[in-house]
C-alpha atoms as a PDB file:
ATOM      1  CA  MET A   1      27.456 -83.336   4.695  1.00  0.00           C
ATOM      2  CA  ASN A   2      27.931 -80.883   1.849  1.00  0.00           C
ATOM      3  CA  LEU A   3      24.543 -79.435   0.935  1.00  0.00           C
ATOM      4  CA  TYR A   4      24.384 -77.668  -2.418  1.00  0.00           C
ATOM      5  CA  LEU A   5      21.307 -75.447  -2.711  1.00  0.00           C
ATOM      6  CA  ILE A   6      20.806 -74.594  -6.356  1.00  0.00           C
ATOM      7  CA  ARG A   7      18.416 -71.917  -7.538  1.00  0.00           C
ATOM      8  CA  HIS A   8      16.634 -72.773 -10.780  1.00  0.00           C
ATOM      9  CA  THR A   9      17.699 -71.180 -14.072  1.00  0.00           C
ATOM     10  CA  THR A  10      16.075 -68.028 -15.448  1.00  0.00           C
ATOM     11  CA  PRO A  11      12.311 -68.503 -15.678  1.00  0.00           C
ATOM     12  CA  MET A  12      10.356 -67.626 -18.791  1.00  0.00           C
ATOM     13  CA  VAL A  13       8.281 -64.914 -17.166  1.00  0.00           C
ATOM     14  CA  GLU A  14       8.480 -61.157 -17.167  1.00  0.00           C
ATOM     15  CA  PRO A  15      10.273 -59.751 -14.095  1.00  0.00           C
ATOM     16  CA  SER A  16       7.212 -57.635 -13.338  1.00  0.00           C
ATOM     17  CA  VAL A  17       5.010 -60.718 -12.788  1.00  0.00           C
ATOM     18  CA  CYS A  18       4.400 -62.428  -9.444  1.00  0.00           C
ATOM     19  CA  TYR A  19       4.964 -66.136 -10.115  1.00  0.00           C
ATOM     20  CA  GLY A  20       5.887 -67.954  -6.843  1.00  0.00           C
ATOM     21  CA  GLN A  21       4.241 -71.375  -7.238  1.00  0.00           C
ATOM     22  CA  SER A  22       3.086 -70.803 -10.818  1.00  0.00           C
ATOM     23  CA  ASP A  23       4.634 -73.504 -12.978  1.00  0.00           C
ATOM     24  CA  VAL A  24       6.463 -71.330 -15.496  1.00  0.00           C
ATOM     25  CA  GLY A  25       9.013 -72.665 -17.970  1.00  0.00           C
ATOM     26  CA  VAL A  26      12.626 -71.639 -18.476  1.00  0.00           C
ATOM     27  CA  THR A  27      14.256 -69.403 -21.070  1.00  0.00           C
ATOM     28  CA  GLU A  28      16.125 -70.505 -24.172  1.00  0.00           C
ATOM     29  CA  GLN A  29      19.337 -69.996 -22.148  1.00  0.00           C
ATOM     30  CA  PHE A  30      18.549 -73.090 -20.068  1.00  0.00           C
ATOM     31  CA  ASP A  31      21.234 -75.374 -21.556  1.00  0.00           C
ATOM     32  CA  LEU A  32      23.964 -72.767 -21.100  1.00  0.00           C
ATOM     33  CA  GLU A  33      22.904 -71.892 -17.545  1.00  0.00           C
ATOM     34  CA  ALA A  34      22.501 -75.567 -16.586  1.00  0.00           C
ATOM     35  CA  ALA A  35      25.967 -76.396 -17.947  1.00  0.00           C
ATOM     36  CA  THR A  36      27.390 -73.489 -15.944  1.00  0.00           C
ATOM     37  CA  VAL A  37      25.769 -74.847 -12.769  1.00  0.00           C
ATOM     38  CA  HIS A  38      27.120 -78.315 -13.515  1.00  0.00           C
ATOM     39  CA  GLY A  39      30.624 -76.860 -13.783  1.00  0.00           C
ATOM     40  CA  LYS A  40      30.352 -75.362 -10.288  1.00  0.00           C
ATOM     41  CA  LEU A  41      29.606 -78.705  -8.644  1.00  0.00           C
ATOM     42  CA  PRO A  42      31.717 -81.708  -7.638  1.00  0.00           C
ATOM     43  CA  ASP A  43      31.432 -85.079  -9.339  1.00  0.00           C
ATOM     44  CA  LEU A  44      27.720 -85.829  -9.103  1.00  0.00           C
ATOM     45  CA  ALA A  45      27.828 -89.606  -9.523  1.00  0.00           C
ATOM     46  CA  GLY A  46      25.614 -91.180  -6.889  1.00  0.00           C
ATOM     47  CA  ILE A  47      24.803 -87.930  -5.112  1.00  0.00           C
ATOM     48  CA  PRO A  48      21.100 -87.742  -4.196  1.00  0.00           C
ATOM     49  CA  VAL A  49      19.192 -84.873  -5.769  1.00  0.00           C
ATOM     50  CA  TYR A  50      16.061 -83.345  -4.298  1.00  0.00           C
ATOM     51  CA  ALA A  51      13.897 -80.888  -6.235  1.00  0.00           C
ATOM     52  CA  SER A  52      10.818 -78.756  -6.048  1.00  0.00           C
ATOM     53  CA  PRO A  53       8.009 -80.256  -8.143  1.00  0.00           C
ATOM     54  CA  LEU A  54       7.851 -77.124 -10.309  1.00  0.00           C
ATOM     55  CA  ASP A  55       9.172 -77.623 -13.851  1.00  0.00           C
ATOM     56  CA  ARG A  56      11.914 -74.991 -13.590  1.00  0.00           C
ATOM     57  CA  CYS A  57      13.517 -77.037 -10.794  1.00  0.00           C
ATOM     58  CA  ARG A  58      12.734 -80.570 -11.978  1.00  0.00           C
ATOM     59  CA  ARG A  59      14.249 -79.821 -15.363  1.00  0.00           C
ATOM     60  CA  LEU A  60      17.520 -78.567 -13.881  1.00  0.00           C
ATOM     61  CA  ALA A  61      17.669 -81.500 -11.442  1.00  0.00           C
ATOM     62  CA  ALA A  62      17.248 -83.944 -14.340  1.00  0.00           C
ATOM     63  CA  PHE A  63      20.031 -82.170 -16.263  1.00  0.00           C
ATOM     64  CA  LEU A  64      22.436 -82.333 -13.320  1.00  0.00           C
ATOM     65  CA  SER A  65      21.952 -85.923 -12.212  1.00  0.00           C
ATOM     66  CA  ASP A  66      22.094 -89.406 -13.662  1.00  0.00           C
ATOM     67  CA  GLN A  67      19.349 -90.482 -11.252  1.00  0.00           C
ATOM     68  CA  PRO A  68      15.752 -89.272 -10.957  1.00  0.00           C
ATOM     69  CA  PRO A  69      15.325 -86.390  -8.525  1.00  0.00           C
ATOM     70  CA  ARG A  70      13.455 -86.917  -5.281  1.00  0.00           C
ATOM     71  CA  ILE A  71      10.543 -84.517  -5.620  1.00  0.00           C
ATOM     72  CA  ASP A  72       9.495 -82.753  -2.423  1.00  0.00           C
ATOM     73  CA  ALA A  73       6.682 -80.175  -2.302  1.00  0.00           C
ATOM     74  CA  ARG A  74       8.265 -78.523   0.736  1.00  0.00           C
ATOM     75  CA  LEU A  75      10.881 -77.153  -1.671  1.00  0.00           C
ATOM     76  CA  MET A  76       8.342 -75.083  -3.615  1.00  0.00           C
ATOM     77  CA  GLU A  77       8.559 -71.304  -3.688  1.00  0.00           C
ATOM     78  CA  MET A  78       6.311 -69.206  -1.464  1.00  0.00           C
ATOM     79  CA  HIS A  79       2.685 -69.286  -2.596  1.00  0.00           C
ATOM     80  CA  PHE A  80       1.394 -65.839  -3.533  1.00  0.00           C
ATOM     81  CA  GLY A  81      -2.253 -66.929  -3.621  1.00  0.00           C
ATOM     82  CA  ASP A  82      -4.526 -64.596  -5.577  1.00  0.00           C
ATOM     83  CA  TRP A  83      -1.507 -62.635  -6.780  1.00  0.00           C
ATOM     84  CA  GLU A  84       0.031 -65.555  -8.700  1.00  0.00           C
ATOM     85  CA  GLY A  85       0.458 -64.662 -12.376  1.00  0.00           C
ATOM     86  CA  ARG A  86      -0.471 -61.009 -11.895  1.00  0.00           C
ATOM     87  CA  ARG A  87       1.760 -58.037 -12.561  1.00  0.00           C
ATOM     88  CA  TRP A  88       2.997 -56.485  -9.344  1.00  0.00           C
ATOM     89  CA  ALA A  89       1.843 -53.093 -10.683  1.00  0.00           C
ATOM     90  CA  ASP A  90      -1.731 -54.412 -11.029  1.00  0.00           C
ATOM     91  CA  ILE A  91      -2.004 -55.489  -7.388  1.00  0.00           C
ATOM     92  CA  ASP A  92      -3.850 -53.093  -5.086  1.00  0.00           C
ATOM     93  CA  PRO A  93      -1.056 -50.830  -3.759  1.00  0.00           C
ATOM     94  CA  VAL A  94      -2.544 -50.636  -0.251  1.00  0.00           C
ATOM     95  CA  ALA A  95      -2.745 -54.436  -0.008  1.00  0.00           C
ATOM     96  CA  LEU A  96       0.755 -54.778  -1.446  1.00  0.00           C
ATOM     97  CA  ARG A  97       2.171 -52.243   1.022  1.00  0.00           C
ATOM     98  CA  HIS A  98       0.428 -53.997   3.923  1.00  0.00           C
ATOM     99  CA  TRP A  99       1.851 -57.349   2.845  1.00  0.00           C
ATOM    100  CA  GLY A 100       5.307 -55.790   2.407  1.00  0.00           C
ATOM    101  CA  ASP A 101       5.164 -54.595   6.006  1.00  0.00           C
ATOM    102  CA  HIS A 102       3.932 -57.966   7.350  1.00  0.00           C
ATOM    103  CA  TYR A 103       5.149 -60.642   4.890  1.00  0.00           C
ATOM    104  CA  VAL A 104       6.819 -62.675   7.632  1.00  0.00           C
ATOM    105  CA  THR A 105       3.528 -63.374   9.438  1.00  0.00           C
ATOM    106  CA  GLU A 106       0.875 -62.650   6.792  1.00  0.00           C
ATOM    107  CA  GLY A 107       0.527 -63.988   3.276  1.00  0.00           C
ATOM    108  CA  PRO A 108      -1.146 -62.409   0.265  1.00  0.00           C
ATOM    109  CA  PRO A 109      -4.860 -63.263  -0.067  1.00  0.00           C
ATOM    110  CA  ASN A 110      -5.088 -67.091  -0.171  1.00  0.00           C
ATOM    111  CA  GLY A 111      -1.294 -67.252  -0.112  1.00  0.00           C
ATOM    112  CA  GLU A 112       1.366 -68.098   2.405  1.00  0.00           C
ATOM    113  CA  ALA A 113       3.440 -66.075   4.845  1.00  0.00           C
ATOM    114  CA  MET A 114       7.230 -66.265   4.965  1.00  0.00           C
ATOM    115  CA  GLN A 115       6.932 -67.973   8.369  1.00  0.00           C
ATOM    116  CA  THR A 116       4.938 -70.822   6.785  1.00  0.00           C
ATOM    117  CA  LEU A 117       7.539 -71.195   4.027  1.00  0.00           C
ATOM    118  CA  HIS A 118      10.257 -71.233   6.672  1.00  0.00           C
ATOM    119  CA  GLU A 119       8.519 -73.950   8.697  1.00  0.00           C
ATOM    120  CA  ARG A 120       8.171 -76.344   5.770  1.00  0.00           C
ATOM    121  CA  CYS A 121      11.748 -75.676   4.605  1.00  0.00           C
ATOM    122  CA  THR A 122      13.280 -76.193   8.041  1.00  0.00           C
ATOM    123  CA  HIS A 123      11.326 -79.456   8.450  1.00  0.00           C
ATOM    124  CA  PHE A 124      12.872 -80.614   5.172  1.00  0.00           C
ATOM    125  CA  TYR A 125      16.319 -79.481   6.341  1.00  0.00           C
ATOM    126  CA  ALA A 126      15.980 -81.302   9.679  1.00  0.00           C
ATOM    127  CA  GLU A 127      15.044 -84.528   7.873  1.00  0.00           C
ATOM    128  CA  LEU A 128      17.940 -84.094   5.472  1.00  0.00           C
ATOM    129  CA  LEU A 129      20.377 -83.806   8.379  1.00  0.00           C
ATOM    130  CA  THR A 130      19.329 -87.259   9.611  1.00  0.00           C
ATOM    131  CA  ALA A 131      19.377 -88.942   6.170  1.00  0.00           C
ATOM    132  CA  GLY A 132      23.073 -89.831   6.301  1.00  0.00           C
ATOM    133  CA  HIS A 133      24.091 -88.248   2.975  1.00  0.00           C
ATOM    134  CA  ALA A 134      27.731 -87.217   2.525  1.00  0.00           C
ATOM    135  CA  ASP A 135      26.749 -84.806  -0.268  1.00  0.00           C
ATOM    136  CA  VAL A 136      23.335 -83.748  -1.519  1.00  0.00           C
ATOM    137  CA  LEU A 137      21.940 -81.399  -4.178  1.00  0.00           C
ATOM    138  CA  VAL A 138      18.714 -79.495  -3.693  1.00  0.00           C
ATOM    139  CA  VAL A 139      17.285 -77.696  -6.727  1.00  0.00           C
ATOM    140  CA  THR A 140      14.814 -75.130  -5.501  1.00  0.00           C
ATOM    141  CA  HIS A 141      13.794 -71.453  -5.383  1.00  0.00           C
ATOM    142  CA  GLY A 142      15.128 -68.198  -4.005  1.00  0.00           C
ATOM    143  CA  GLY A 143      12.638 -68.025  -1.130  1.00  0.00           C
ATOM    144  CA  VAL A 144      13.552 -71.502   0.067  1.00  0.00           C
ATOM    145  CA  ILE A 145      17.275 -70.776  -0.031  1.00  0.00           C
ATOM    146  CA  ARG A 146      16.808 -67.434   1.754  1.00  0.00           C
ATOM    147  CA  THR A 147      14.811 -68.993   4.595  1.00  0.00           C
ATOM    148  CA  LEU A 148      17.383 -71.765   5.012  1.00  0.00           C
ATOM    149  CA  LEU A 149      20.193 -69.210   5.135  1.00  0.00           C
ATOM    150  CA  CYS A 150      18.275 -67.314   7.827  1.00  0.00           C
ATOM    151  CA  HIS A 151      17.806 -70.587   9.711  1.00  0.00           C
ATOM    152  CA  VAL A 152      21.486 -71.566   9.577  1.00  0.00           C
ATOM    153  CA  LEU A 153      22.635 -68.066  10.516  1.00  0.00           C
ATOM    154  CA  ALA A 154      19.909 -67.622  13.174  1.00  0.00           C
ATOM    155  CA  LEU A 155      18.700 -64.456  11.457  1.00  0.00           C
ATOM    156  CA  PRO A 156      15.138 -63.176  11.730  1.00  0.00           C
ATOM    157  CA  LEU A 157      13.093 -63.816   8.593  1.00  0.00           C
ATOM    158  CA  ASP A 158      12.683 -60.109   7.907  1.00  0.00           C
ATOM    159  CA  ARG A 159      16.375 -60.219   6.924  1.00  0.00           C
ATOM    160  CA  ALA A 160      15.814 -62.886   4.230  1.00  0.00           C
ATOM    161  CA  PHE A 161      15.876 -60.393   1.372  1.00  0.00           C
ATOM    162  CA  THR A 162      19.320 -59.119   2.337  1.00  0.00           C
ATOM    163  CA  PHE A 163      20.604 -62.142   0.366  1.00  0.00           C
ATOM    164  CA  HIS A 164      20.802 -61.598  -3.380  1.00  0.00           C
ATOM    165  CA  LEU A 165      20.483 -64.966  -5.114  1.00  0.00           C
ATOM    166  CA  ASP A 166      21.238 -65.342  -8.800  1.00  0.00           C
ATOM    167  CA  PHE A 167      19.290 -67.652 -11.057  1.00  0.00           C
ATOM    168  CA  ALA A 168      21.439 -70.779 -11.481  1.00  0.00           C
ATOM    169  CA  GLY A 169      23.438 -69.795  -8.398  1.00  0.00           C
ATOM    170  CA  VAL A 170      24.880 -72.387  -6.035  1.00  0.00           C
ATOM    171  CA  THR A 171      24.872 -71.949  -2.256  1.00  0.00           C
ATOM    172  CA  GLN A 172      26.898 -74.441  -0.243  1.00  0.00           C
ATOM    173  CA  ILE A 173      26.314 -75.362   3.394  1.00  0.00           C
ATOM    174  CA  LEU A 174      28.734 -77.688   5.176  1.00  0.00           C
ATOM    175  CA  VAL A 175      27.306 -79.593   8.138  1.00  0.00           C
ATOM    176  CA  GLN A 176      29.873 -81.212  10.453  1.00  0.00           C
ATOM    177  CA  ASP A 177      29.300 -82.486  13.963  1.00  0.00           C
ATOM    178  CA  GLY A 178      25.907 -80.798  14.097  1.00  0.00           C
ATOM    179  CA  VAL A 179      27.256 -77.385  13.085  1.00  0.00           C
ATOM    180  CA  SER A 180      26.125 -75.778   9.812  1.00  0.00           C
ATOM    181  CA  LYS A 181      28.504 -73.399   8.046  1.00  0.00           C
ATOM    182  CA  ILE A 182      27.841 -71.294   4.947  1.00  0.00           C
ATOM    183  CA  MET A 183      30.686 -72.104   2.567  1.00  0.00           C
ATOM    184  CA  GLY A 184      29.511 -69.941  -0.325  1.00  0.00           C
ATOM    185  CA  VAL A 185      26.547 -68.084  -1.769  1.00  0.00           C
ATOM    186  CA  ASN A 186      25.935 -67.439  -5.489  1.00  0.00           C
ATOM    187  CA  ARG A 187      28.873 -69.488  -6.676  1.00  0.00           C
END
């Protein structure tokens, strides 16, 4: 199976804002970025497409495929709880520092920890491996892709942010005979 993990296009939100599961739109560059993603992929006819329910992913999935995407909430970005929609600079610095030191096991207030994100993403991945697809597209978020890369490479989750993932980037994982191989990141 060729698994293409596609990060959504550039969101219409200031970079200084925490927006995890907030349903923000996309910039006016969407058509150009989406066409660029399409050009990086093989012939998409008949390939199943899964997507996060957030608009920035659903919209790209609809652009890329001639069939409706299979929406799966497990593909949503990490939930930042009370910090959603707030500027990072406006969050209590002590709380932010504490979370930064413990984000793998502790979430922001009323939010989710990286470990929780990882669990729901790896459950999705395990199901995908048994679905019998030859090729599959997954339109999702940076956090989801990072945790899946850590899973495939058997890296601890505190290494997840060593992967830089571009908006509209394509990461390819090849799964053959039960072995997952990273074929490319940020294509």
